[in-house]
Amino acid sequence: MNWLNSEAFTVLGQHILWSDMIGNTIGLIALALGWRRSVLTWPAQLLSGLILVGAYASAHLTGGVGKQVLVIGVAAWGWHQWSRGRQQAQDGSIAVRFATWKERGLLLGGAALGTLAVGGLFTAYPSLSWSPWADAYIFVGTLVAMVAQARGLVEFWFAWLLVDLVGVPLAFNSGLAFSGFVYVIYGALVLWGMRDWWLRSRTAPVLEGTPA
């Protein structure tokens, strides 16, 4: 499987790795499936994470590797949550809602404390990441976004936008050009998905038994 971390082609002087390209392409598909509120978003995210572990490891981004390991774990949990079928709308898709103020506080507090903890760890051990605070921000932000998605919260889209703001320049600076290009596309899909979930949250009531 060494070919996954070999160069696929070069675009504008940027070397594109197979693992970077394939993993992020599947990630785009997963995001589109999430926008459609399809449970298939989770196995797609899990597969994307497995492939991107290799891409980040080849770029010596320990934080990125850790983030993908988290993606794999949370994707398995989210898959279980959505598969339970206790949050389905009439068309068989997942019903969505806005978070309560308590949930927003927990997400924001967890993101802040998590970033401080992970950033401090990366700073104390420089070999883990060459960009400790940006890496920590993406690491924790991704976890927060996926947890919010698993709970069917519209705020998960806002979290992805905030992750993209740092993820784009970091990917290009790390030599993962395809990740950078994909993050830009992510931004457009996130805005589109945010609008769709926002509108649906105002028309579809949340059914009893929302996954915890």
N, C-alpha and C. Protein backbone atom coordinates (compact mmCIF):
# COMPACT_ATOMS: atom_id res chain seq x y z
N MET A 1 0.81 -1.21 0.00
CA MET A 1 0.00 0.00 0.00
C MET A 1 0.85 1.27 0.00
N ASN A 2 2.18 1.13 -0.24
CA ASN A 2 3.05 2.30 -0.23
C ASN A 2 2.68 3.30 -1.32
N TRP A 3 2.02 2.81 -2.38
CA TRP A 3 1.66 3.70 -3.48
C TRP A 3 0.71 4.80 -3.02
N LEU A 4 -0.04 4.56 -1.93
CA LEU A 4 -0.99 5.58 -1.45
C LEU A 4 -0.29 6.87 -1.06
N ASN A 5 0.94 6.77 -0.55
CA ASN A 5 1.68 7.96 -0.15
C ASN A 5 2.70 8.40 -1.19
N SER A 6 2.55 7.89 -2.41
CA SER A 6 3.39 8.34 -3.50
C SER A 6 2.70 9.46 -4.26
N GLU A 7 3.47 10.15 -5.09
CA GLU A 7 2.94 11.31 -5.82
C GLU A 7 2.05 10.86 -6.98
N ALA A 8 0.86 11.42 -7.05
CA ALA A 8 -0.06 11.10 -8.15
C ALA A 8 0.23 12.00 -9.35
N PHE A 9 0.34 13.30 -9.13
CA PHE A 9 0.65 14.26 -10.19
C PHE A 9 0.99 15.60 -9.54
N THR A 10 1.36 16.55 -10.35
CA THR A 10 1.73 17.89 -9.88
C THR A 10 0.83 18.92 -10.52
N VAL A 11 0.32 19.85 -9.72
CA VAL A 11 -0.53 20.94 -10.21
C VAL A 11 0.02 22.27 -9.68
N LEU A 12 0.38 23.17 -10.58
CA LEU A 12 0.89 24.49 -10.21
C LEU A 12 2.05 24.39 -9.21
N GLY A 13 2.90 23.40 -9.44
CA GLY A 13 4.05 23.22 -8.57
C GLY A 13 3.76 22.49 -7.28
N GLN A 14 2.51 22.10 -7.05
CA GLN A 14 2.13 21.40 -5.83
C GLN A 14 2.06 19.90 -6.12
N HIS A 15 2.74 19.11 -5.29
CA HIS A 15 2.77 17.66 -5.47
C HIS A 15 1.56 17.03 -4.78
N ILE A 16 0.76 16.30 -5.54
CA ILE A 16 -0.46 15.70 -5.03
C ILE A 16 -0.22 14.23 -4.71
N LEU A 17 -0.45 13.83 -3.46
CA LEU A 17 -0.31 12.44 -3.06
C LEU A 17 -1.61 11.69 -3.31
N TRP A 18 -1.47 10.39 -3.64
CA TRP A 18 -2.66 9.58 -3.85
C TRP A 18 -3.54 9.53 -2.60
N SER A 19 -2.91 9.34 -1.44
CA SER A 19 -3.68 9.23 -0.20
C SER A 19 -4.41 10.53 0.11
N ASP A 20 -3.74 11.65 -0.13
CA ASP A 20 -4.35 12.97 0.10
C ASP A 20 -5.55 13.16 -0.82
N MET A 21 -5.39 12.78 -2.09
CA MET A 21 -6.45 12.97 -3.07
C MET A 21 -7.64 12.03 -2.82
N ILE A 22 -7.35 10.74 -2.64
CA ILE A 22 -8.44 9.77 -2.47
C ILE A 22 -9.18 10.00 -1.16
N GLY A 23 -8.42 10.19 -0.08
CA GLY A 23 -9.04 10.38 1.23
C GLY A 23 -9.94 11.60 1.26
N ASN A 24 -9.47 12.70 0.67
CA ASN A 24 -10.27 13.93 0.70
C ASN A 24 -11.44 13.88 -0.27
N THR A 25 -11.29 13.14 -1.36
CA THR A 25 -12.43 12.98 -2.28
C THR A 25 -13.56 12.22 -1.58
N ILE A 26 -13.20 11.17 -0.86
CA ILE A 26 -14.21 10.44 -0.09
C ILE A 26 -14.79 11.33 1.00
N GLY A 27 -13.93 12.19 1.58
CA GLY A 27 -14.41 13.13 2.60
C GLY A 27 -15.44 14.09 2.03
N LEU A 28 -15.23 14.54 0.79
CA LEU A 28 -16.20 15.41 0.14
C LEU A 28 -17.53 14.69 -0.05
N ILE A 29 -17.45 13.43 -0.46
CA ILE A 29 -18.67 12.63 -0.63
C ILE A 29 -19.39 12.50 0.71
N ALA A 30 -18.61 12.28 1.77
CA ALA A 30 -19.19 12.16 3.11
C ALA A 30 -19.90 13.44 3.52
N LEU A 31 -19.30 14.59 3.20
CA LEU A 31 -19.92 15.87 3.55
C LEU A 31 -21.22 16.06 2.79
N ALA A 32 -21.21 15.69 1.50
CA ALA A 32 -22.44 15.80 0.69
C ALA A 32 -23.53 14.88 1.23
N LEU A 33 -23.14 13.68 1.67
CA LEU A 33 -24.11 12.76 2.25
C LEU A 33 -24.66 13.30 3.58
N GLY A 34 -23.78 13.99 4.32
CA GLY A 34 -24.23 14.61 5.56
C GLY A 34 -25.24 15.71 5.29
N TRP A 35 -25.00 16.47 4.24
CA TRP A 35 -25.94 17.52 3.85
C TRP A 35 -27.30 16.89 3.51
N ARG A 36 -27.27 15.71 2.86
CA ARG A 36 -28.50 15.01 2.51
C ARG A 36 -29.09 14.26 3.70
N ARG A 37 -28.40 14.31 4.83
CA ARG A 37 -28.84 13.65 6.07
C ARG A 37 -28.95 12.13 5.89
N SER A 38 -28.01 11.59 5.13
CA SER A 38 -27.97 10.15 4.89
C SER A 38 -27.02 9.49 5.88
N VAL A 39 -27.41 8.35 6.43
CA VAL A 39 -26.56 7.63 7.38
C VAL A 39 -25.26 7.17 6.73
N LEU A 40 -25.22 7.11 5.40
CA LEU A 40 -24.01 6.70 4.69
C LEU A 40 -22.87 7.68 4.86
N THR A 41 -23.16 8.88 5.36
CA THR A 41 -22.10 9.85 5.63
C THR A 41 -21.05 9.30 6.59
N TRP A 42 -21.50 8.44 7.53
CA TRP A 42 -20.57 7.95 8.56
C TRP A 42 -19.59 6.90 8.05
N PRO A 43 -20.02 5.86 7.34
CA PRO A 43 -19.01 4.94 6.80
C PRO A 43 -18.07 5.63 5.82
N ALA A 44 -18.58 6.63 5.10
CA ALA A 44 -17.71 7.38 4.18
C ALA A 44 -16.67 8.16 4.96
N GLN A 45 -17.07 8.80 6.07
CA GLN A 45 -16.11 9.53 6.90
C GLN A 45 -15.08 8.58 7.52
N LEU A 46 -15.54 7.40 7.91
CA LEU A 46 -14.64 6.42 8.50
C LEU A 46 -13.57 5.99 7.50
N LEU A 47 -13.99 5.70 6.26
CA LEU A 47 -13.04 5.29 5.23
C LEU A 47 -12.08 6.43 4.88
N SER A 48 -12.61 7.64 4.79
CA SER A 48 -11.77 8.81 4.52
C SER A 48 -10.70 8.96 5.60
N GLY A 49 -11.10 8.80 6.86
CA GLY A 49 -10.15 8.92 7.96
C GLY A 49 -9.05 7.88 7.89
N LEU A 50 -9.41 6.66 7.56
CA LEU A 50 -8.41 5.58 7.46
C LEU A 50 -7.34 5.92 6.43
N ILE A 51 -7.77 6.44 5.28
CA ILE A 51 -6.82 6.75 4.21
C ILE A 51 -5.98 7.98 4.55
N LEU A 52 -6.61 8.99 5.17
CA LEU A 52 -5.89 10.23 5.46
C LEU A 52 -4.90 10.09 6.61
N VAL A 53 -5.04 9.04 7.42
CA VAL A 53 -4.01 8.78 8.44
C VAL A 53 -2.64 8.66 7.76
N GLY A 54 -2.61 7.94 6.65
CA GLY A 54 -1.36 7.77 5.92
C GLY A 54 -0.85 9.06 5.33
N ALA A 55 -1.76 9.89 4.82
CA ALA A 55 -1.36 11.16 4.22
C ALA A 55 -0.73 12.09 5.25
N TYR A 56 -1.35 12.22 6.41
CA TYR A 56 -0.82 13.10 7.44
C TYR A 56 0.46 12.55 8.05
N ALA A 57 0.55 11.23 8.16
CA ALA A 57 1.77 10.63 8.69
C ALA A 57 2.95 10.92 7.76
N SER A 58 2.70 10.89 6.45
CA SER A 58 3.78 11.16 5.49
C SER A 58 4.24 12.60 5.55
N ALA A 59 3.35 13.52 6.00
CA ALA A 59 3.70 14.94 6.13
C ALA A 59 4.20 15.27 7.53
N HIS A 60 4.33 14.24 8.39
CA HIS A 60 4.81 14.40 9.76
C HIS A 60 3.93 15.35 10.57
N LEU A 61 2.62 15.29 10.33
CA LEU A 61 1.65 16.08 11.09
C LEU A 61 0.95 15.16 12.09
N THR A 62 1.56 15.04 13.26
CA THR A 62 1.02 14.14 14.27
C THR A 62 -0.40 14.55 14.67
N GLY A 63 -0.63 15.86 14.75
CA GLY A 63 -1.96 16.33 15.09
C GLY A 63 -2.98 15.92 14.06
N GLY A 64 -2.55 15.97 12.79
CA GLY A 64 -3.45 15.56 11.72
C GLY A 64 -3.76 14.07 11.80
N VAL A 65 -2.74 13.27 12.14
CA VAL A 65 -2.96 11.84 12.31
C VAL A 65 -3.94 11.60 13.45
N GLY A 66 -3.71 12.30 14.57
CA GLY A 66 -4.60 12.16 15.72
C GLY A 66 -6.01 12.58 15.38
N LYS A 67 -6.13 13.65 14.57
CA LYS A 67 -7.45 14.11 14.17
C LYS A 67 -8.18 13.03 13.39
N GLN A 68 -7.47 12.37 12.47
CA GLN A 68 -8.11 11.34 11.66
C GLN A 68 -8.47 10.11 12.49
N VAL A 69 -7.67 9.81 13.51
CA VAL A 69 -8.01 8.72 14.41
C VAL A 69 -9.31 9.06 15.15
N LEU A 70 -9.44 10.32 15.56
CA LEU A 70 -10.68 10.77 16.20
C LEU A 70 -11.84 10.69 15.21
N VAL A 71 -11.59 11.09 13.97
CA VAL A 71 -12.63 11.02 12.93
C VAL A 71 -13.14 9.59 12.82
N ILE A 72 -12.22 8.63 12.82
CA ILE A 72 -12.60 7.22 12.70
C ILE A 72 -13.47 6.80 13.88
N GLY A 73 -13.04 7.17 15.09
CA GLY A 73 -13.79 6.80 16.29
C GLY A 73 -15.16 7.45 16.35
N VAL A 74 -15.20 8.77 16.08
CA VAL A 74 -16.48 9.47 16.15
C VAL A 74 -17.39 9.05 15.01
N ALA A 75 -16.82 8.73 13.85
CA ALA A 75 -17.63 8.26 12.73
C ALA A 75 -18.33 6.94 13.09
N ALA A 76 -17.61 6.06 13.79
CA ALA A 76 -18.22 4.80 14.21
C ALA A 76 -19.36 5.08 15.20
N TRP A 77 -19.13 6.03 16.12
CA TRP A 77 -20.17 6.39 17.09
C TRP A 77 -21.36 7.05 16.40
N GLY A 78 -21.08 7.98 15.49
CA GLY A 78 -22.16 8.67 14.77
C GLY A 78 -22.96 7.71 13.91
N TRP A 79 -22.28 6.76 13.31
CA TRP A 79 -22.96 5.72 12.50
C TRP A 79 -23.95 4.96 13.36
N HIS A 80 -23.50 4.60 14.57
CA HIS A 80 -24.38 3.89 15.50
C HIS A 80 -25.56 4.76 15.90
N GLN A 81 -25.30 6.04 16.19
CA GLN A 81 -26.36 6.95 16.62
C GLN A 81 -27.44 7.10 15.55
N TRP A 82 -27.02 7.35 14.32
CA TRP A 82 -27.99 7.58 13.24
C TRP A 82 -28.68 6.28 12.83
N SER A 83 -27.98 5.17 12.99
CA SER A 83 -28.56 3.88 12.59
C SER A 83 -29.63 3.41 13.56
N ARG A 84 -29.66 3.98 14.73
CA ARG A 84 -30.65 3.57 15.71
C ARG A 84 -32.07 3.91 15.24
N GLY A 85 -32.17 4.82 14.30
CA GLY A 85 -33.47 5.11 13.69
C GLY A 85 -34.45 5.81 14.60
N ARG A 86 -33.95 6.47 15.65
CA ARG A 86 -34.85 7.13 16.58
C ARG A 86 -34.92 8.63 16.35
N GLN A 87 -34.30 9.09 15.27
CA GLN A 87 -34.32 10.51 14.98
C GLN A 87 -34.67 10.73 13.51
N GLN A 88 -35.49 9.85 12.94
CA GLN A 88 -35.77 9.92 11.52
C GLN A 88 -36.98 10.78 11.21
N ALA A 89 -36.86 11.54 10.12
CA ALA A 89 -37.98 12.31 9.63
C ALA A 89 -38.88 11.39 8.80
N GLN A 90 -40.00 11.91 8.29
CA GLN A 90 -40.95 11.08 7.56
C GLN A 90 -40.37 10.50 6.28
N ASP A 91 -39.40 11.19 5.69
CA ASP A 91 -38.82 10.69 4.44
C ASP A 91 -37.68 9.70 4.69
N GLY A 92 -37.45 9.33 5.96
CA GLY A 92 -36.42 8.35 6.28
C GLY A 92 -35.06 8.96 6.53
N SER A 93 -34.89 10.28 6.33
CA SER A 93 -33.63 10.94 6.60
C SER A 93 -33.59 11.37 8.07
N ILE A 94 -32.50 11.97 8.48
CA ILE A 94 -32.33 12.35 9.87
C ILE A 94 -32.91 13.74 10.13
N ALA A 95 -33.73 13.84 11.16
CA ALA A 95 -34.28 15.14 11.55
C ALA A 95 -33.18 15.96 12.22
N VAL A 96 -33.20 17.27 12.00
CA VAL A 96 -32.15 18.14 12.54
C VAL A 96 -32.78 19.26 13.35
N ARG A 97 -31.95 19.89 14.19
CA ARG A 97 -32.43 20.96 15.05
C ARG A 97 -31.28 21.87 15.44
N PHE A 98 -31.60 23.03 15.98
CA PHE A 98 -30.59 23.90 16.56
C PHE A 98 -30.29 23.41 17.97
N ALA A 99 -29.06 23.61 18.42
CA ALA A 99 -28.67 23.23 19.77
C ALA A 99 -29.33 24.16 20.78
N THR A 100 -29.52 23.66 21.98
CA THR A 100 -29.97 24.51 23.07
C THR A 100 -28.78 25.38 23.51
N TRP A 101 -29.05 26.41 24.30
CA TRP A 101 -27.96 27.26 24.78
C TRP A 101 -27.00 26.47 25.66
N LYS A 102 -27.53 25.51 26.41
CA LYS A 102 -26.67 24.68 27.23
C LYS A 102 -25.73 23.85 26.35
N GLU A 103 -26.27 23.26 25.29
CA GLU A 103 -25.45 22.47 24.38
C GLU A 103 -24.40 23.33 23.69
N ARG A 104 -24.78 24.55 23.31
CA ARG A 104 -23.81 25.46 22.69
C ARG A 104 -22.68 25.79 23.65
N GLY A 105 -23.05 26.03 24.90
CA GLY A 105 -22.03 26.33 25.90
C GLY A 105 -21.08 25.17 26.10
N LEU A 106 -21.63 23.95 26.12
CA LEU A 106 -20.78 22.77 26.29
C LEU A 106 -19.85 22.58 25.10
N LEU A 107 -20.37 22.81 23.89
CA LEU A 107 -19.55 22.66 22.70
C LEU A 107 -18.43 23.70 22.67
N LEU A 108 -18.77 24.96 22.96
CA LEU A 108 -17.77 26.03 22.95
C LEU A 108 -16.75 25.84 24.07
N GLY A 109 -17.25 25.49 25.26
CA GLY A 109 -16.34 25.27 26.38
C GLY A 109 -15.41 24.10 26.12
N GLY A 110 -15.98 23.02 25.58
CA GLY A 110 -15.15 21.86 25.25
C GLY A 110 -14.11 22.18 24.20
N ALA A 111 -14.51 23.00 23.20
CA ALA A 111 -13.57 23.38 22.14
C ALA A 111 -12.42 24.22 22.71
N ALA A 112 -12.75 25.18 23.57
CA ALA A 112 -11.72 26.05 24.15
C ALA A 112 -10.76 25.27 25.04
N LEU A 113 -11.32 24.49 25.96
CA LEU A 113 -10.48 23.73 26.88
C LEU A 113 -9.67 22.67 26.14
N GLY A 114 -10.32 22.02 25.17
CA GLY A 114 -9.63 21.00 24.40
C GLY A 114 -8.47 21.57 23.60
N THR A 115 -8.68 22.74 22.99
CA THR A 115 -7.61 23.38 22.21
C THR A 115 -6.45 23.77 23.10
N LEU A 116 -6.75 24.31 24.28
CA LEU A 116 -5.69 24.68 25.23
C LEU A 116 -4.90 23.44 25.67
N ALA A 117 -5.61 22.35 25.95
CA ALA A 117 -4.94 21.14 26.41
C ALA A 117 -4.08 20.52 25.32
N VAL A 118 -4.66 20.36 24.12
CA VAL A 118 -3.92 19.73 23.03
C VAL A 118 -2.79 20.64 22.55
N GLY A 119 -3.07 21.96 22.46
CA GLY A 119 -2.03 22.90 22.06
C GLY A 119 -0.87 22.91 23.05
N GLY A 120 -1.20 22.83 24.33
CA GLY A 120 -0.15 22.77 25.35
C GLY A 120 0.69 21.51 25.22
N LEU A 121 0.02 20.39 24.91
CA LEU A 121 0.74 19.12 24.72
C LEU A 121 1.67 19.21 23.53
N PHE A 122 1.18 19.74 22.40
CA PHE A 122 2.00 19.86 21.20
C PHE A 122 3.17 20.83 21.42
N THR A 123 2.93 21.88 22.22
CA THR A 123 4.00 22.84 22.51
C THR A 123 5.08 22.22 23.39
N ALA A 124 4.65 21.42 24.35
CA ALA A 124 5.60 20.77 25.26
C ALA A 124 6.42 19.71 24.54
N TYR A 125 5.84 19.11 23.51
CA TYR A 125 6.54 18.07 22.74
C TYR A 125 6.54 18.48 21.26
N PRO A 126 7.48 19.34 20.87
CA PRO A 126 7.51 19.88 19.50
C PRO A 126 7.57 18.82 18.41
N SER A 127 8.03 17.64 18.73
CA SER A 127 8.11 16.59 17.71
C SER A 127 6.73 16.14 17.26
N LEU A 128 5.70 16.44 18.05
CA LEU A 128 4.35 16.02 17.70
C LEU A 128 3.74 16.87 16.59
N SER A 129 4.16 18.12 16.50
CA SER A 129 3.58 19.01 15.49
C SER A 129 4.47 20.23 15.29
N TRP A 130 4.65 20.60 14.02
CA TRP A 130 5.44 21.81 13.74
C TRP A 130 4.59 23.06 13.86
N SER A 131 3.29 22.92 13.92
CA SER A 131 2.38 24.06 14.08
C SER A 131 1.37 23.72 15.18
N PRO A 132 1.82 23.76 16.45
CA PRO A 132 1.04 23.19 17.55
C PRO A 132 -0.35 23.78 17.75
N TRP A 133 -0.49 25.10 17.71
CA TRP A 133 -1.79 25.68 18.03
C TRP A 133 -2.78 25.55 16.88
N ALA A 134 -2.30 25.72 15.66
CA ALA A 134 -3.19 25.51 14.51
C ALA A 134 -3.62 24.06 14.43
N ASP A 135 -2.68 23.15 14.67
CA ASP A 135 -2.97 21.72 14.64
C ASP A 135 -3.97 21.35 15.73
N ALA A 136 -3.77 21.92 16.92
CA ALA A 136 -4.68 21.64 18.04
C ALA A 136 -6.08 22.17 17.76
N TYR A 137 -6.14 23.36 17.17
CA TYR A 137 -7.43 23.97 16.83
C TYR A 137 -8.22 23.08 15.86
N ILE A 138 -7.54 22.57 14.83
CA ILE A 138 -8.20 21.71 13.84
C ILE A 138 -8.56 20.37 14.48
N PHE A 139 -7.66 19.84 15.27
CA PHE A 139 -7.86 18.56 15.95
C PHE A 139 -9.13 18.59 16.79
N VAL A 140 -9.25 19.60 17.65
CA VAL A 140 -10.39 19.69 18.56
C VAL A 140 -11.64 20.16 17.81
N GLY A 141 -11.47 21.10 16.87
CA GLY A 141 -12.62 21.61 16.12
C GLY A 141 -13.31 20.53 15.32
N THR A 142 -12.52 19.62 14.75
CA THR A 142 -13.10 18.50 14.00
C THR A 142 -13.92 17.60 14.90
N LEU A 143 -13.39 17.32 16.09
CA LEU A 143 -14.11 16.49 17.05
C LEU A 143 -15.44 17.14 17.44
N VAL A 144 -15.40 18.44 17.74
CA VAL A 144 -16.61 19.17 18.13
C VAL A 144 -17.64 19.14 17.01
N ALA A 145 -17.19 19.37 15.77
CA ALA A 145 -18.10 19.37 14.63
C ALA A 145 -18.77 18.01 14.45
N MET A 146 -18.00 16.94 14.56
CA MET A 146 -18.57 15.61 14.34
C MET A 146 -19.52 15.20 15.45
N VAL A 147 -19.22 15.60 16.69
CA VAL A 147 -20.14 15.32 17.79
C VAL A 147 -21.46 16.04 17.55
N ALA A 148 -21.37 17.32 17.12
CA ALA A 148 -22.58 18.08 16.83
C ALA A 148 -23.36 17.46 15.68
N GLN A 149 -22.65 16.96 14.67
CA GLN A 149 -23.32 16.30 13.54
C GLN A 149 -24.03 15.04 13.99
N ALA A 150 -23.36 14.26 14.83
CA ALA A 150 -23.95 13.01 15.31
C ALA A 150 -25.25 13.27 16.08
N ARG A 151 -25.35 14.44 16.71
CA ARG A 151 -26.55 14.79 17.46
C ARG A 151 -27.57 15.53 16.60
N GLY A 152 -27.26 15.69 15.30
CA GLY A 152 -28.20 16.34 14.39
C GLY A 152 -28.33 17.82 14.62
N LEU A 153 -27.26 18.48 15.08
CA LEU A 153 -27.30 19.91 15.39
C LEU A 153 -26.85 20.74 14.20
N VAL A 154 -27.62 21.77 13.87
CA VAL A 154 -27.27 22.66 12.76
C VAL A 154 -25.91 23.31 12.99
N GLU A 155 -25.55 23.53 14.24
CA GLU A 155 -24.29 24.21 14.57
C GLU A 155 -23.06 23.47 14.07
N PHE A 156 -23.21 22.21 13.70
CA PHE A 156 -22.05 21.46 13.22
C PHE A 156 -21.47 22.11 11.97
N TRP A 157 -22.33 22.74 11.15
CA TRP A 157 -21.85 23.42 9.95
C TRP A 157 -20.99 24.63 10.30
N PHE A 158 -21.39 25.38 11.33
CA PHE A 158 -20.60 26.53 11.77
C PHE A 158 -19.22 26.07 12.26
N ALA A 159 -19.20 24.95 12.97
CA ALA A 159 -17.93 24.43 13.46
C ALA A 159 -17.00 24.07 12.31
N TRP A 160 -17.56 23.45 11.23
CA TRP A 160 -16.74 23.09 10.08
C TRP A 160 -16.17 24.33 9.40
N LEU A 161 -16.97 25.39 9.32
CA LEU A 161 -16.48 26.64 8.72
C LEU A 161 -15.28 27.18 9.49
N LEU A 162 -15.37 27.17 10.80
CA LEU A 162 -14.28 27.68 11.63
C LEU A 162 -13.03 26.82 11.49
N VAL A 163 -13.22 25.51 11.34
CA VAL A 163 -12.07 24.61 11.12
C VAL A 163 -11.42 24.91 9.77
N ASP A 164 -12.23 25.16 8.75
CA ASP A 164 -11.72 25.43 7.40
C ASP A 164 -10.86 26.69 7.36
N LEU A 165 -11.20 27.68 8.16
CA LEU A 165 -10.46 28.94 8.14
C LEU A 165 -8.98 28.74 8.47
N VAL A 166 -8.70 27.75 9.29
CA VAL A 166 -7.31 27.44 9.63
C VAL A 166 -6.79 26.26 8.79
N GLY A 167 -7.68 25.34 8.45
CA GLY A 167 -7.27 24.14 7.73
C GLY A 167 -6.71 24.40 6.35
N VAL A 168 -7.27 25.40 5.64
CA VAL A 168 -6.81 25.68 4.27
C VAL A 168 -5.34 26.10 4.23
N PRO A 169 -4.95 27.19 4.95
CA PRO A 169 -3.54 27.58 4.88
C PRO A 169 -2.60 26.54 5.46
N LEU A 170 -3.02 25.83 6.51
CA LEU A 170 -2.14 24.82 7.12
C LEU A 170 -1.88 23.68 6.15
N ALA A 171 -2.90 23.26 5.41
CA ALA A 171 -2.73 22.16 4.45
C ALA A 171 -1.74 22.54 3.35
N PHE A 172 -1.88 23.75 2.80
CA PHE A 172 -0.96 24.18 1.75
C PHE A 172 0.47 24.28 2.28
N ASN A 173 0.62 24.84 3.49
CA ASN A 173 1.96 25.00 4.07
C ASN A 173 2.60 23.67 4.43
N SER A 174 1.77 22.63 4.59
CA SER A 174 2.29 21.31 4.97
C SER A 174 2.57 20.43 3.77
N GLY A 175 2.34 20.94 2.57
CA GLY A 175 2.59 20.16 1.37
C GLY A 175 1.44 19.26 0.98
N LEU A 176 0.29 19.40 1.67
CA LEU A 176 -0.89 18.60 1.32
C LEU A 176 -1.82 19.48 0.49
N ALA A 177 -1.39 19.74 -0.73
CA ALA A 177 -2.09 20.70 -1.58
C ALA A 177 -3.52 20.27 -1.87
N PHE A 178 -3.72 18.98 -2.11
CA PHE A 178 -5.07 18.54 -2.44
C PHE A 178 -6.01 18.78 -1.27
N SER A 179 -5.51 18.60 -0.04
CA SER A 179 -6.32 18.91 1.14
C SER A 179 -6.71 20.38 1.13
N GLY A 180 -5.76 21.24 0.76
CA GLY A 180 -6.06 22.67 0.70
C GLY A 180 -7.14 22.98 -0.30
N PHE A 181 -7.03 22.40 -1.51
CA PHE A 181 -8.05 22.62 -2.54
C PHE A 181 -9.42 22.11 -2.07
N VAL A 182 -9.39 20.94 -1.44
CA VAL A 182 -10.65 20.33 -0.99
C VAL A 182 -11.29 21.16 0.12
N TYR A 183 -10.47 21.71 1.02
CA TYR A 183 -11.02 22.54 2.09
C TYR A 183 -11.78 23.73 1.51
N VAL A 184 -11.30 24.26 0.38
CA VAL A 184 -12.01 25.38 -0.26
C VAL A 184 -13.38 24.90 -0.75
N ILE A 185 -13.41 23.71 -1.36
CA ILE A 185 -14.69 23.14 -1.81
C ILE A 185 -15.58 22.84 -0.61
N TYR A 186 -14.95 22.34 0.47
CA TYR A 186 -15.70 22.11 1.71
C TYR A 186 -16.47 23.36 2.11
N GLY A 187 -15.78 24.51 2.01
CA GLY A 187 -16.40 25.77 2.42
C GLY A 187 -17.70 26.02 1.69
N ALA A 188 -17.69 25.78 0.36
CA ALA A 188 -18.91 26.00 -0.43
C ALA A 188 -20.00 25.00 -0.04
N LEU A 189 -19.62 23.72 0.12
CA LEU A 189 -20.59 22.71 0.51
C LEU A 189 -21.15 22.97 1.91
N VAL A 190 -20.29 23.46 2.80
CA VAL A 190 -20.74 23.75 4.16
C VAL A 190 -21.80 24.85 4.16
N LEU A 191 -21.57 25.90 3.38
CA LEU A 191 -22.55 26.98 3.31
C LEU A 191 -23.88 26.49 2.74
N TRP A 192 -23.80 25.63 1.75
CA TRP A 192 -25.00 25.06 1.12
C TRP A 192 -25.73 24.15 2.11
N GLY A 193 -24.94 23.28 2.76
CA GLY A 193 -25.53 22.36 3.73
C GLY A 193 -26.11 23.10 4.92
N MET A 194 -25.44 24.15 5.36
CA MET A 194 -25.92 24.93 6.50
C MET A 194 -27.30 25.52 6.19
N ARG A 195 -27.45 26.05 4.98
CA ARG A 195 -28.74 26.63 4.59
C ARG A 195 -29.83 25.57 4.60
N ASP A 196 -29.51 24.37 4.06
CA ASP A 196 -30.50 23.30 3.99
C ASP A 196 -30.92 22.84 5.38
N TRP A 197 -29.94 22.59 6.25
CA TRP A 197 -30.27 22.14 7.61
C TRP A 197 -31.02 23.23 8.38
N TRP A 198 -30.62 24.49 8.17
CA TRP A 198 -31.28 25.60 8.84
C TRP A 198 -32.77 25.63 8.50
N LEU A 199 -33.05 25.53 7.20
CA LEU A 199 -34.45 25.57 6.76
C LEU A 199 -35.22 24.35 7.27
N ARG A 200 -34.61 23.17 7.23
CA ARG A 200 -35.29 21.97 7.68
C ARG A 200 -35.53 21.97 9.18
N SER A 201 -34.62 22.60 9.93
CA SER A 201 -34.79 22.64 11.38
C SER A 201 -36.01 23.46 11.77
N ARG A 202 -36.46 24.34 10.87
CA ARG A 202 -37.62 25.19 11.15
C ARG A 202 -38.93 24.54 10.73
N THR A 203 -38.83 23.46 9.95
CA THR A 203 -40.05 22.82 9.45
C THR A 203 -40.27 21.42 9.97
N ALA A 204 -39.16 20.74 10.40
CA ALA A 204 -39.28 19.35 10.87
C ALA A 204 -39.13 19.29 12.38
N PRO A 205 -40.16 18.87 13.10
CA PRO A 205 -40.05 18.76 14.56
C PRO A 205 -39.10 17.64 14.94
N VAL A 206 -38.40 17.83 16.06
CA VAL A 206 -37.49 16.79 16.55
C VAL A 206 -38.31 15.73 17.24
N LEU A 207 -38.13 14.48 16.85
CA LEU A 207 -38.91 13.40 17.41
C LEU A 207 -38.36 12.96 18.75
N GLU A 208 -39.21 12.38 19.54
CA GLU A 208 -38.80 11.90 20.86
C GLU A 208 -37.75 10.81 20.68
N GLY A 209 -36.75 10.81 21.57
CA GLY A 209 -35.72 9.78 21.50
C GLY A 209 -34.50 10.23 20.75
N THR A 210 -34.21 11.57 20.72
CA THR A 210 -33.03 12.07 20.08
C THR A 210 -31.79 11.37 20.68
N PRO A 211 -30.89 10.86 19.84
CA PRO A 211 -29.72 10.16 20.36
C PRO A 211 -28.94 11.03 21.31
N ALA A 212 -28.45 10.46 22.39
CA ALA A 212 -27.66 11.21 23.37
C ALA A 212 -26.18 11.01 23.13
